[in-house]
Amino acid sequence: MAATRMMSIIGRKNAGKTTLLVALAAELVRRKFRVMTIKHGTHPADTDQRGKDHAERVLMEGPGQRVLWERTEQESDPIALARRYLGGADIVLVEGFKAAPLPKIEVYRLAAGPDPLFDPAVHDPGDWVAMVTDHTKYRADFPVFRFSDTAWLVTIANLAWDRAKIFPP
């Protein structure tokens, strides 16, 4: 089994993390990489069936998809989750888990908050691979892309692949 790369997509609520993750995943799949994702939720997932039988695990099968719900005592980190559930991925894109020791691409929209999560007084700019923003004047010690730029997704896909943290099998 080959090594797995991991990259975290972070940002404030409603900044566009999922939109970027979906676009980045599509670009990497287009390049023939096996892409898997982990999303950090702030509340328990829910459907009509989950938890009704109070089972430790519930596996739902439907046309073209399978979902596993598993009761947990505490949250795991994305690295442990990827090792347990996402073997065989070329790259795992992680949405959220901003404190995880993974390289980060931040999505920063002015409508989501006046400041990005990145704070030069607290964070190491080397941990940030890039930022995508609508703030026309924002500058940082890492690549900053504007949503209005052309071809930024291709460049970010290259950066994500090159700068992703690599975990041996």
Protein backbone atom coordinates (compact mmCIF):
# COMPACT_ATOMS: atom_id res chain seq x y z
CA MET A 1 0.00 0.00 0.00
CA ALA A 2 1.30 3.44 -0.92
CA ALA A 3 1.71 6.34 1.45
CA THR A 4 -1.28 8.61 2.02
CA ARG A 5 -1.07 12.38 1.82
CA MET A 6 -3.27 14.61 3.97
CA MET A 7 -4.24 18.27 3.64
CA SER A 8 -6.66 20.30 5.78
CA ILE A 9 -9.14 22.83 4.40
CA ILE A 10 -10.05 25.32 7.14
CA GLY A 11 -11.97 28.55 7.53
CA ARG A 12 -14.74 30.24 9.44
CA LYS A 13 -18.34 29.07 9.21
CA ASN A 14 -19.84 29.84 5.78
CA ALA A 15 -16.47 30.81 4.31
CA GLY A 16 -16.72 28.20 1.55
CA LYS A 17 -14.69 25.26 2.93
CA THR A 18 -16.96 22.60 1.45
CA THR A 19 -17.10 24.37 -1.91
CA LEU A 20 -13.29 24.49 -2.08
CA LEU A 21 -12.93 20.89 -0.89
CA VAL A 22 -15.36 19.64 -3.57
CA ALA A 23 -13.59 21.62 -6.31
CA LEU A 24 -10.13 20.51 -5.13
CA ALA A 25 -11.24 16.88 -4.89
CA ALA A 26 -12.67 17.04 -8.42
CA GLU A 27 -9.41 18.49 -9.78
CA LEU A 28 -7.33 15.78 -8.07
CA VAL A 29 -9.70 13.02 -9.27
CA ARG A 30 -9.38 14.45 -12.80
CA ARG A 31 -5.63 13.86 -12.38
CA LYS A 32 -6.41 10.20 -11.60
CA PHE A 33 -5.66 10.36 -7.85
CA ARG A 34 -7.76 8.35 -5.42
CA VAL A 35 -9.23 11.10 -3.22
CA MET A 36 -11.05 10.57 0.08
CA THR A 37 -12.37 13.16 2.51
CA ILE A 38 -13.06 13.64 6.20
CA LYS A 39 -15.44 16.33 7.41
CA HIS A 40 -15.46 17.59 10.99
CA GLY A 41 -18.99 18.31 12.16
CA THR A 42 -19.96 20.49 15.08
CA HIS A 43 -23.01 18.36 15.93
CA PRO A 44 -23.90 14.67 15.57
CA ALA A 45 -24.90 13.46 12.10
CA ASP A 46 -28.54 12.54 11.81
CA THR A 47 -30.91 10.64 9.52
CA ASP A 48 -34.23 8.93 9.98
CA GLN A 49 -32.62 5.63 10.95
CA ARG A 50 -29.45 6.46 12.87
CA GLY A 51 -29.56 5.58 16.53
CA LYS A 52 -33.13 4.26 16.64
CA ASP A 53 -31.93 0.79 17.55
CA HIS A 54 -29.27 2.12 19.99
CA ALA A 55 -26.67 -0.09 18.33
CA GLU A 56 -22.95 0.56 18.61
CA ARG A 57 -22.70 0.62 14.80
CA VAL A 58 -25.30 1.13 12.10
CA LEU A 59 -24.48 0.35 8.47
CA MET A 60 -26.90 1.65 5.86
CA GLU A 61 -26.71 0.37 2.31
CA GLY A 62 -28.45 1.99 -0.63
CA PRO A 63 -28.00 2.22 -4.39
CA GLY A 64 -24.44 3.40 -4.97
CA GLN A 65 -23.60 4.26 -1.37
CA ARG A 66 -22.93 2.87 2.06
CA VAL A 67 -22.85 4.83 5.31
CA LEU A 68 -21.49 3.66 8.65
CA TRP A 69 -22.47 5.35 11.93
CA GLU A 70 -20.40 4.38 14.89
CA ARG A 71 -20.92 5.55 18.47
CA THR A 72 -17.76 7.00 19.98
CA GLU A 73 -16.76 8.07 23.46
CA GLN A 74 -14.57 10.89 22.17
CA GLU A 75 -13.58 12.51 18.91
CA SER A 76 -10.62 11.09 17.04
CA ASP A 77 -8.07 13.11 15.18
CA PRO A 78 -8.20 13.04 11.37
CA ILE A 79 -4.92 11.13 11.09
CA ALA A 80 -6.29 8.25 13.20
CA LEU A 81 -9.57 8.34 11.27
CA ALA A 82 -7.79 8.17 7.91
CA ARG A 83 -5.66 5.25 9.07
CA ARG A 84 -8.71 3.36 10.31
CA TYR A 85 -11.20 4.03 7.52
CA LEU A 86 -9.51 5.47 4.43
CA GLY A 87 -6.73 3.06 3.51
CA GLY A 88 -5.77 3.17 -0.13
CA ALA A 89 -6.31 6.90 -0.60
CA ASP A 90 -3.66 8.79 -2.53
CA ILE A 91 -4.75 11.94 -0.70
CA VAL A 92 -7.21 12.64 2.11
CA LEU A 93 -8.70 16.13 2.16
CA VAL A 94 -9.79 17.06 5.66
CA GLU A 95 -12.43 19.73 6.20
CA GLY A 96 -12.08 21.40 9.57
CA PHE A 97 -9.93 19.96 12.38
CA LYS A 98 -8.05 23.27 12.35
CA ALA A 99 -5.87 22.25 15.34
CA ALA A 100 -4.68 19.02 13.66
CA PRO A 101 -0.98 18.87 12.75
CA LEU A 102 -1.69 19.02 9.02
CA PRO A 103 -0.76 21.55 6.35
CA LYS A 104 -3.63 23.99 5.85
CA ILE A 105 -5.39 25.79 3.03
CA GLU A 106 -7.63 28.49 4.47
CA VAL A 107 -10.77 29.85 2.86
CA TYR A 108 -11.32 33.42 4.05
CA ARG A 109 -14.35 35.44 2.99
CA LEU A 110 -15.05 38.89 4.41
CA ALA A 111 -18.73 37.98 4.83
CA ALA A 112 -17.75 35.14 7.22
CA GLY A 113 -15.74 37.36 9.55
CA PRO A 114 -13.43 40.39 9.57
CA ASP A 115 -10.24 38.35 10.01
CA PRO A 116 -8.91 35.02 8.78
CA LEU A 117 -8.15 32.18 11.20
CA PHE A 118 -4.46 32.67 10.45
CA ASP A 119 -2.93 34.99 13.04
CA PRO A 120 0.77 35.76 12.52
CA ALA A 121 1.18 36.31 16.28
CA VAL A 122 -0.01 32.76 17.01
CA HIS A 123 0.47 30.57 13.93
CA ASP A 124 3.51 29.50 11.94
CA PRO A 125 3.03 30.66 8.33
CA GLY A 126 4.86 27.47 7.30
CA ASP A 127 1.78 25.50 8.39
CA TRP A 128 -0.37 27.35 5.84
CA VAL A 129 -0.02 26.14 2.25
CA ALA A 130 -2.26 28.85 0.83
CA MET A 131 -5.28 31.04 1.37
CA VAL A 132 -8.17 31.69 -1.01
CA THR A 133 -9.96 34.96 -0.26
CA ASP A 134 -12.16 37.71 -1.55
CA HIS A 135 -10.18 40.28 0.47
CA THR A 136 -8.40 42.25 -2.26
CA LYS A 137 -5.65 43.65 -0.02
CA TYR A 138 -4.83 40.62 2.17
CA ARG A 139 -1.15 39.60 2.09
CA ALA A 140 0.70 36.84 3.96
CA ASP A 141 3.98 34.92 4.06
CA PHE A 142 2.37 32.12 2.02
CA PRO A 143 0.52 32.12 -1.33
CA VAL A 144 -2.74 34.10 -1.30
CA PHE A 145 -5.22 33.57 -4.13
CA ARG A 146 -8.31 35.63 -4.94
CA PHE A 147 -11.53 33.96 -5.96
CA SER A 148 -11.44 36.30 -8.95
CA ASP A 149 -8.03 34.99 -10.11
CA THR A 150 -7.90 32.64 -13.08
CA ALA A 151 -6.46 29.12 -12.76
CA TRP A 152 -6.06 29.36 -8.97
CA LEU A 153 -7.66 25.94 -8.47
CA VAL A 154 -5.02 24.24 -10.64
CA THR A 155 -2.25 25.97 -8.69
CA ILE A 156 -3.83 25.08 -5.33
CA ALA A 157 -4.20 21.44 -6.44
CA ASN A 158 -0.48 21.40 -7.24
CA LEU A 159 0.34 22.96 -3.86
CA ALA A 160 -2.01 20.57 -2.01
CA TRP A 161 -0.35 17.54 -3.58
CA ASP A 162 3.21 18.84 -3.10
CA ARG A 163 2.77 20.14 0.46
CA ALA A 164 0.41 17.49 1.87
CA LYS A 165 1.68 15.63 4.91
CA ILE A 166 2.70 12.11 3.91
CA PHE A 167 1.92 9.16 6.17
CA PRO A 168 3.56 5.81 5.45
CA PRO A 169 1.24 2.80 5.10
